[in-house]
Amino acid sequence: MKLMKLIATLASIATLALSGQARAEQAGSAAAVAPSATATNVAVAANFTEPVKEIGALFKAKTSFDAVFSFGPSGQFYTQITQDAPFQVFLSADEKRPKDAVEAGLALAETRFTYAVGKLVLWSRSLDLAKGEEVLKAGSFSKISIANPAGAPYGAAAIETMKATGTYDALQPKIVQGNSIAQAFQFVDTGNAELGFVALSQLAKVTAGSRWMVPQSLYKPILQDAVLLKKGADSAPSKAFLAFLKTPEARAIIEKYGYALGQ
């Protein structure tokens, strides 16, 4: 009887561990699995969700190491990192927060690099965006979605674009904000907003609708930096994952999703 109770207890613990890992991969929270010698916990900006899944699968095939991903807005991740979240690698949607992590003593300065340069797109399932700037100026729609500019760099780039085109004041009442660029995309995808500013990478496998590639002159370059956090300083999988991001195989995946490559 004691043996059966012990087996049941161990099974319960395993179930909880697996469900915690699934939440970390899907929800973008700090519920990453405990550090191990065979896996790295990676906080990933939401715009990089699909590319990093492909990179992670290839990384495992090449190294036998696992990468456990959590997806969400960069600002939220940075806050969690300052609050002792168990992340070992941080893939941000900007260069500021990894730099801030270094300055706060939470990351290793020599490991920071730009893994991708993001591109902003205005996308709609129902409107013709061939002349995107004219659509913004006409304002013949009720809702336009963006990511929260306080926590998501693509949201900040959307604000910059509207201000540069002289449309921000008129469009401000029509803006609906997603917590992350993933949610901003969902608003348009589900029809809750007629159009929205999203990352080009999110449209890599989307053929529906119309899009306007926002000219780079309208917003600051979205330099997406990666950095090794102090919690990953002694982690072989964490160091290997950052190194793998720089390989030709990983960079080819990054380019496939529409990003420019960092130096």
Protein backbone atom coordinates (compact mmCIF):
# COMPACT_ATOMS: atom_id res chain seq x y z
CA MET A 1 0.00 0.00 0.00
CA LYS A 2 2.86 2.39 0.87
CA LEU A 3 4.49 1.63 -2.50
CA MET A 4 1.26 2.44 -4.36
CA LYS A 5 0.93 5.75 -2.50
CA LEU A 6 4.53 6.62 -3.38
CA ILE A 7 3.93 5.86 -7.09
CA ALA A 8 0.76 7.98 -7.05
CA THR A 9 2.64 10.86 -5.44
CA LEU A 10 5.44 10.72 -7.99
CA ALA A 11 2.94 10.61 -10.84
CA SER A 12 1.20 13.67 -9.46
CA ILE A 13 4.49 15.56 -9.22
CA ALA A 14 5.37 14.61 -12.82
CA THR A 15 1.96 15.77 -14.05
CA LEU A 16 2.38 19.13 -12.32
CA ALA A 17 5.86 19.56 -13.80
CA LEU A 18 4.66 18.81 -17.30
CA SER A 19 1.67 21.14 -17.04
CA GLY A 20 3.98 23.87 -15.73
CA GLN A 21 6.24 23.42 -18.76
CA ALA A 22 3.27 23.58 -21.14
CA ARG A 23 2.08 26.82 -19.55
CA ALA A 24 5.54 28.29 -19.88
CA GLU A 25 5.67 27.45 -23.57
CA GLN A 26 2.21 28.82 -24.32
CA ALA A 27 1.43 31.65 -21.89
CA GLY A 28 4.55 33.80 -21.72
CA SER A 29 4.65 33.78 -17.92
CA ALA A 30 7.46 33.20 -15.48
CA ALA A 31 6.31 29.60 -14.98
CA ALA A 32 9.42 28.21 -16.68
CA VAL A 33 10.63 24.78 -15.61
CA ALA A 34 13.39 24.48 -13.05
CA PRO A 35 16.93 24.87 -14.43
CA SER A 36 18.52 21.63 -15.58
CA ALA A 37 21.68 20.38 -17.21
CA THR A 38 19.84 19.49 -20.42
CA ALA A 39 17.48 22.43 -20.98
CA THR A 40 17.45 26.21 -21.07
CA ASN A 41 14.57 28.51 -20.10
CA VAL A 42 14.14 31.21 -22.72
CA ALA A 43 11.94 34.31 -22.51
CA VAL A 44 10.93 35.16 -26.09
CA ALA A 45 9.27 38.29 -27.46
CA ALA A 46 5.88 37.36 -28.89
CA ASN A 47 6.72 38.44 -32.46
CA PHE A 48 9.43 35.79 -32.61
CA THR A 49 7.16 32.87 -31.63
CA GLU A 50 7.08 30.90 -34.87
CA PRO A 51 10.73 31.37 -35.89
CA VAL A 52 12.05 30.35 -32.49
CA LYS A 53 9.90 27.21 -32.46
CA GLU A 54 11.62 26.10 -35.67
CA ILE A 55 15.00 27.12 -34.34
CA GLY A 56 14.34 25.25 -31.09
CA ALA A 57 13.49 22.02 -32.91
CA LEU A 58 16.65 22.27 -34.99
CA PHE A 59 18.68 23.14 -31.89
CA LYS A 60 17.48 19.99 -30.15
CA ALA A 61 18.24 17.86 -33.21
CA LYS A 62 21.78 19.26 -33.45
CA THR A 63 22.69 19.38 -29.75
CA SER A 64 20.23 17.13 -27.84
CA PHE A 65 19.54 20.12 -25.56
CA ASP A 66 15.98 21.33 -25.00
CA ALA A 67 14.89 24.97 -25.14
CA VAL A 68 11.77 25.71 -23.09
CA PHE A 69 10.13 28.87 -24.44
CA SER A 70 7.85 31.39 -22.78
CA PHE A 71 6.22 33.97 -25.07
CA GLY A 72 5.00 37.45 -24.24
CA PRO A 73 5.72 41.19 -24.32
CA SER A 74 9.32 42.20 -23.70
CA GLY A 75 8.42 44.76 -21.05
CA GLN A 76 6.56 42.15 -19.01
CA PHE A 77 9.48 39.74 -19.26
CA TYR A 78 11.93 42.39 -18.11
CA THR A 79 9.79 43.08 -15.06
CA GLN A 80 9.68 39.36 -14.29
CA ILE A 81 13.45 39.08 -14.71
CA THR A 82 13.97 41.87 -12.17
CA GLN A 83 11.70 39.89 -9.83
CA ASP A 84 13.88 36.77 -9.97
CA ALA A 85 12.02 34.84 -12.68
CA PRO A 86 13.85 31.60 -13.62
CA PHE A 87 14.76 32.64 -17.17
CA GLN A 88 18.28 31.98 -18.41
CA VAL A 89 18.12 33.57 -21.87
CA PHE A 90 16.20 36.67 -22.95
CA LEU A 91 15.20 37.27 -26.58
CA SER A 92 13.72 40.74 -26.51
CA ALA A 93 11.88 42.69 -29.21
CA ASP A 94 14.16 45.65 -28.58
CA GLU A 95 17.72 46.48 -27.61
CA LYS A 96 16.81 48.57 -24.58
CA ARG A 97 15.64 45.91 -22.17
CA PRO A 98 18.59 43.51 -22.63
CA LYS A 99 20.85 46.54 -22.14
CA ASP A 100 18.90 47.47 -19.02
CA ALA A 101 19.30 43.90 -17.76
CA VAL A 102 23.07 44.19 -18.19
CA GLU A 103 23.19 47.53 -16.40
CA ALA A 104 21.09 46.12 -13.57
CA GLY A 105 23.56 43.25 -13.11
CA LEU A 106 21.03 40.68 -14.32
CA ALA A 107 22.74 39.73 -17.59
CA LEU A 108 26.24 39.31 -19.05
CA ALA A 109 27.29 42.29 -21.18
CA GLU A 110 29.60 40.35 -23.49
CA THR A 111 26.78 38.03 -24.59
CA ARG A 112 24.37 40.70 -25.88
CA PHE A 113 23.85 40.83 -29.66
CA THR A 114 21.17 41.70 -32.23
CA TYR A 115 19.64 38.45 -33.47
CA ALA A 116 17.02 40.05 -35.74
CA VAL A 117 15.78 43.39 -37.06
CA GLY A 118 12.00 43.54 -37.05
CA LYS A 119 9.72 44.98 -39.72
CA LEU A 120 6.38 46.66 -39.08
CA VAL A 121 3.33 45.96 -41.27
CA LEU A 122 -0.19 47.35 -41.40
CA TRP A 123 -2.53 44.40 -42.05
CA SER A 124 -6.24 43.97 -42.69
CA ARG A 125 -8.50 41.09 -43.65
CA SER A 126 -11.15 43.40 -45.11
CA LEU A 127 -9.60 46.69 -46.26
CA ASP A 128 -7.42 47.39 -49.27
CA LEU A 129 -4.09 48.62 -47.88
CA ALA A 130 -2.23 49.06 -51.16
CA LYS A 131 -1.96 52.73 -50.21
CA GLY A 132 -1.61 52.29 -46.48
CA GLU A 133 -0.77 55.85 -45.56
CA GLU A 134 -3.84 57.13 -47.41
CA VAL A 135 -6.00 54.61 -45.54
CA LEU A 136 -4.67 55.92 -42.23
CA LYS A 137 -5.34 59.51 -43.25
CA ALA A 138 -8.87 58.73 -44.47
CA GLY A 139 -9.67 56.97 -41.18
CA SER A 140 -12.67 55.14 -42.68
CA PHE A 141 -12.69 52.41 -40.06
CA SER A 142 -13.78 52.05 -36.46
CA LYS A 143 -10.88 50.22 -34.82
CA ILE A 144 -7.15 49.85 -35.40
CA SER A 145 -5.10 47.51 -33.23
CA ILE A 146 -1.58 47.95 -31.90
CA ALA A 147 0.47 46.27 -29.23
CA ASN A 148 0.76 48.12 -25.93
CA PRO A 149 3.62 50.58 -26.62
CA ALA A 150 4.69 50.54 -22.97
CA GLY A 151 5.68 46.89 -23.09
CA ALA A 152 5.93 45.99 -26.78
CA PRO A 153 8.42 47.69 -29.14
CA TYR A 154 6.21 47.02 -32.16
CA GLY A 155 3.48 49.01 -30.44
CA ALA A 156 5.89 51.89 -29.93
CA ALA A 157 6.82 51.69 -33.62
CA ALA A 158 3.12 51.85 -34.53
CA ILE A 159 2.72 55.06 -32.52
CA GLU A 160 5.82 56.51 -34.21
CA THR A 161 4.35 55.64 -37.62
CA MET A 162 1.03 57.32 -36.91
CA LYS A 163 2.76 60.41 -35.59
CA ALA A 164 5.09 60.53 -38.60
CA THR A 165 2.12 60.36 -40.97
CA GLY A 166 0.22 63.01 -39.02
CA THR A 167 -2.63 60.62 -38.20
CA TYR A 168 -2.12 59.86 -34.51
CA ASP A 169 -4.41 62.50 -33.01
CA ALA A 170 -7.30 61.55 -35.29
CA LEU A 171 -6.81 57.80 -34.85
CA GLN A 172 -6.14 57.74 -31.12
CA PRO A 173 -9.83 57.19 -30.18
CA LYS A 174 -9.95 54.20 -32.56
CA ILE A 175 -6.90 52.42 -31.15
CA VAL A 176 -7.36 49.10 -29.37
CA GLN A 177 -4.30 47.79 -27.57
CA GLY A 178 -3.22 44.21 -27.24
CA ASN A 179 -1.04 43.17 -24.33
CA SER A 180 1.48 41.90 -26.88
CA ILE A 181 1.96 41.92 -30.65
CA ALA A 182 0.36 38.46 -30.67
CA GLN A 183 -2.86 39.87 -29.24
CA ALA A 184 -2.75 42.85 -31.61
CA PHE A 185 -2.63 40.32 -34.47
CA GLN A 186 -5.54 38.37 -32.99
CA PHE A 187 -7.74 41.48 -32.92
CA VAL A 188 -7.39 41.81 -36.69
CA ASP A 189 -7.50 38.08 -37.37
CA THR A 190 -10.82 37.72 -35.51
CA GLY A 191 -12.37 40.88 -36.97
CA ASN A 192 -12.42 42.80 -33.69
CA ALA A 193 -10.39 45.48 -35.46
CA GLU A 194 -10.53 46.21 -39.19
CA LEU A 195 -6.78 46.69 -39.40
CA GLY A 196 -3.73 46.70 -37.19
CA PHE A 197 0.01 47.10 -36.94
CA VAL A 198 1.70 43.70 -36.67
CA ALA A 199 5.13 42.16 -37.19
CA LEU A 200 5.97 40.95 -40.69
CA SER A 201 6.99 37.62 -39.17
CA GLN A 202 3.39 37.02 -38.10
CA LEU A 203 2.27 37.13 -41.73
CA ALA A 204 4.88 34.67 -43.02
CA LYS A 205 2.24 31.96 -43.46
CA VAL A 206 -0.75 34.25 -44.02
CA THR A 207 -2.06 34.84 -47.53
CA ALA A 208 -5.43 36.37 -46.67
CA GLY A 209 -6.10 40.08 -46.56
CA SER A 210 -4.06 43.08 -47.59
CA ARG A 211 -0.88 44.54 -46.13
CA TRP A 212 1.22 47.68 -46.26
CA MET A 213 4.91 47.41 -45.49
CA VAL A 214 5.53 50.45 -43.33
CA PRO A 215 8.51 52.41 -44.70
CA GLN A 216 11.51 52.21 -42.38
CA SER A 217 11.73 56.02 -42.48
CA LEU A 218 8.55 56.23 -40.39
CA TYR A 219 9.84 54.41 -37.30
CA LYS A 220 13.09 53.68 -35.51
CA PRO A 221 14.76 50.37 -36.43
CA ILE A 222 13.44 47.52 -34.30
CA LEU A 223 16.71 45.96 -33.20
CA GLN A 224 15.90 42.75 -31.34
CA ASP A 225 18.65 41.79 -28.91
CA ALA A 226 19.42 38.54 -27.14
CA VAL A 227 21.38 38.21 -23.92
CA LEU A 228 22.49 35.53 -21.48
CA LEU A 229 20.98 36.20 -18.06
CA LYS A 230 22.94 35.66 -14.87
CA LYS A 231 20.80 32.62 -14.08
CA GLY A 232 22.17 31.02 -17.25
CA ALA A 233 25.82 31.93 -16.67
CA ASP A 234 26.75 28.36 -15.76
CA SER A 235 24.22 26.66 -18.05
CA ALA A 236 25.71 24.79 -21.01
CA PRO A 237 22.33 24.56 -22.84
CA SER A 238 21.79 28.32 -22.44
CA LYS A 239 25.20 29.20 -23.84
CA ALA A 240 24.76 26.69 -26.64
CA PHE A 241 21.36 28.14 -27.58
CA LEU A 242 22.72 31.67 -27.92
CA ALA A 243 25.60 30.38 -30.00
CA PHE A 244 23.16 28.44 -32.18
CA LEU A 245 21.20 31.62 -32.93
CA LYS A 246 24.28 32.86 -34.79
CA THR A 247 24.63 29.79 -37.02
CA PRO A 248 23.76 29.87 -40.73
CA GLU A 249 20.90 27.43 -40.12
CA ALA A 250 19.24 29.64 -37.50
CA ARG A 251 19.85 32.82 -39.45
CA ALA A 252 18.22 31.27 -42.52
CA ILE A 253 15.06 30.62 -40.48
CA ILE A 254 15.12 34.19 -39.16
CA GLU A 255 15.35 35.58 -42.70
CA LYS A 256 12.58 33.24 -43.89
CA TYR A 257 10.19 34.98 -41.52
CA GLY A 258 10.95 38.38 -42.97
CA TYR A 259 13.48 39.73 -40.50
CA ALA A 260 16.68 41.47 -41.45
CA LEU A 261 19.75 40.02 -39.76
CA GLY A 262 21.75 41.75 -37.05
CA GLN A 263 25.48 42.22 -37.28
